[in-house]
C-alpha atoms as a PDB file:
ATOM      1  CA  MET A   1    -159.824 142.918 172.902  1.00  0.00           C
ATOM      2  CA  GLU A   2    -156.517 144.068 170.861  1.00  0.00           C
ATOM      3  CA  THR A   3    -159.065 145.702 168.252  1.00  0.00           C
ATOM      4  CA  ILE A   4    -160.678 147.998 170.973  1.00  0.00           C
ATOM      5  CA  LEU A   5    -156.971 148.851 171.997  1.00  0.00           C
ATOM      6  CA  THR A   6    -156.043 149.639 168.740  1.00  0.00           C
ATOM      7  CA  VAL A   7    -159.226 151.810 168.023  1.00  0.00           C
ATOM      8  CA  VAL A   8    -158.669 153.704 171.017  1.00  0.00           C
ATOM      9  CA  VAL A   9    -155.037 154.263 170.355  1.00  0.00           C
ATOM     10  CA  ILE A  10    -156.071 155.522 167.090  1.00  0.00           C
ATOM     11  CA  ILE A  11    -158.548 157.816 168.468  1.00  0.00           C
ATOM     12  CA  LEU A  12    -156.276 159.271 171.004  1.00  0.00           C
ATOM     13  CA  ALA A  13    -153.705 159.490 168.220  1.00  0.00           C
ATOM     14  CA  VAL A  14    -156.207 161.415 165.842  1.00  0.00           C
ATOM     15  CA  ILE A  15    -157.252 163.792 169.009  1.00  0.00           C
ATOM     16  CA  VAL A  16    -153.523 164.567 169.536  1.00  0.00           C
ATOM     17  CA  MET A  17    -152.963 165.486 166.041  1.00  0.00           C
ATOM     18  CA  ALA A  18    -156.151 167.672 166.128  1.00  0.00           C
ATOM     19  CA  MET A  19    -154.836 169.554 169.099  1.00  0.00           C
ATOM     20  CA  LEU A  20    -151.438 169.981 167.656  1.00  0.00           C
ATOM     21  CA  ILE A  21    -152.897 171.281 164.295  1.00  0.00           C
ATOM     22  CA  TRP A  22    -155.203 174.023 166.468  1.00  0.00           C
ATOM     23  CA  LEU A  23    -152.232 175.025 168.469  1.00  0.00           C
ATOM     24  CA  ILE A  24    -150.091 175.633 165.376  1.00  0.00           C
ATOM     25  CA  SER A  25    -152.511 177.539 163.745  1.00  0.00           C
ATOM     26  CA  SER A  26    -153.548 179.525 166.908  1.00  0.00           C
ATOM     27  CA  ILE A  27    -149.684 180.583 166.951  1.00  0.00           C
ATOM     28  CA  PHE A  28    -149.405 181.569 163.591  1.00  0.00           C
ATOM     29  CA  ALA A  29    -152.737 183.590 163.688  1.00  0.00           C
ATOM     30  CA  ASN A  30    -151.217 185.257 166.959  1.00  0.00           C
ATOM     31  CA  ARG A  31    -148.081 185.864 164.910  1.00  0.00           C
ATOM     32  CA  ARG A  32    -149.870 187.523 162.080  1.00  0.00           C
ATOM     33  CA  GLU A  33    -151.642 189.899 164.615  1.00  0.00           C
ATOM     34  CA  ILE A  34    -148.861 190.752 166.306  1.00  0.00           C
ATOM     35  CA  ALA A  35    -147.325 191.836 162.793  1.00  0.00           C
ATOM     36  CA  GLY A  36    -150.381 193.743 162.079  1.00  0.00           C
ATOM     37  CA  GLN A  37    -150.320 195.647 165.535  1.00  0.00           C
ATOM     38  CA  SER A  38    -146.655 196.294 165.004  1.00  0.00           C
ATOM     39  CA  ALA A  39    -147.539 197.827 161.353  1.00  0.00           C
ATOM     40  CA  GLY A  40    -150.290 199.978 163.288  1.00  0.00           C
ATOM     41  CA  ILE A  41    -147.723 201.047 165.715  1.00  0.00           C
ATOM     42  CA  GLY A  42    -145.475 202.265 163.105  1.00  0.00           C
ATOM     43  CA  LEU A  43    -147.998 204.224 161.382  1.00  0.00           C
ATOM     44  CA  LEU A  44    -148.979 205.665 164.922  1.00  0.00           C
ATOM     45  CA  GLN A  45    -145.213 206.765 165.368  1.00  0.00           C
ATOM     46  CA  GLN A  46    -145.275 208.597 161.982  1.00  0.00           C
ATOM     47  CA  GLN A  47    -148.171 210.433 162.697  1.00  0.00           C
ATOM     48  CA  LEU A  48    -147.151 211.522 166.076  1.00  0.00           C
ATOM     49  CA  GLU A  49    -144.003 212.703 164.536  1.00  0.00           C
ATOM     50  CA  ALA A  50    -146.141 214.635 161.918  1.00  0.00           C
ATOM     51  CA  LEU A  51    -148.222 216.320 164.430  1.00  0.00           C
ATOM     52  CA  LYS A  52    -145.029 217.242 166.460  1.00  0.00           C
ATOM     53  CA  ALA A  53    -143.472 218.839 163.571  1.00  0.00           C
ATOM     54  CA  ALA A  54    -146.438 220.638 162.586  1.00  0.00           C
ATOM     55  CA  GLN A  55    -146.503 221.934 166.044  1.00  0.00           C
ATOM     56  CA  ASP A  56    -142.792 222.963 166.093  1.00  0.00           C
ATOM     57  CA  GLY A  57    -143.650 225.021 163.178  1.00  0.00           C
ATOM     58  CA  THR A  58    -146.793 226.606 165.011  1.00  0.00           C
ATOM     59  CA  LYS A  59    -144.920 227.195 167.984  1.00  0.00           C
ATOM     60  CA  GLU A  60    -141.936 229.089 165.880  1.00  0.00           C
ATOM     61  CA  THR A  61    -144.550 231.013 163.890  1.00  0.00           C
ATOM     62  CA  LEU A  62    -146.291 232.306 166.866  1.00  0.00           C
ATOM     63  CA  HIS A  63    -142.847 232.969 168.632  1.00  0.00           C
ATOM     64  CA  LYS A  64    -141.736 235.089 165.684  1.00  0.00           C
ATOM     65  CA  SER A  65    -145.385 237.049 165.627  1.00  0.00           C
ATOM     66  CA  LEU A  66    -145.056 237.765 169.357  1.00  0.00           C
ATOM     67  CA  GLN A  67    -141.371 238.763 168.992  1.00  0.00           C
ATOM     68  CA  SER A  68    -142.544 241.087 165.945  1.00  0.00           C
ATOM     69  CA  SER A  69    -145.409 242.584 168.153  1.00  0.00           C
ATOM     70  CA  GLN A  70    -143.289 242.952 170.972  1.00  0.00           C
ATOM     71  CA  GLU A  71    -140.851 245.036 168.918  1.00  0.00           C
ATOM     72  CA  THR A  72    -143.290 247.086 167.225  1.00  0.00           C
ATOM     73  CA  LEU A  73    -145.044 247.730 170.866  1.00  0.00           C
ATOM     74  CA  SER A  74    -141.488 248.702 172.070  1.00  0.00           C
ATOM     75  CA  ARG A  75    -140.950 251.018 168.874  1.00  0.00           C
ATOM     76  CA  ASN A  76    -144.384 252.898 169.331  1.00  0.00           C
ATOM     77  CA  LEU A  77    -143.662 253.164 172.991  1.00  0.00           C
ATOM     78  CA  GLN A  78    -140.572 254.919 172.480  1.00  0.00           C
END
């Protein structure tokens, strides 16, 4: 009877250890995934900033062109 009880306790201990190892590995995998996502978010932020800078440059160029055209049109009408 003691032998069966010992075997059951050992089996339960092995199962608990396996579950703990699985849980720890899952946690580390999630942390790696989150770190990868953070890096991806940082890269997206840089790309958005670059797009905004390009858009600002285009806006400024268009504004100057429009202003120049208005001045030319105003001179021609006078």
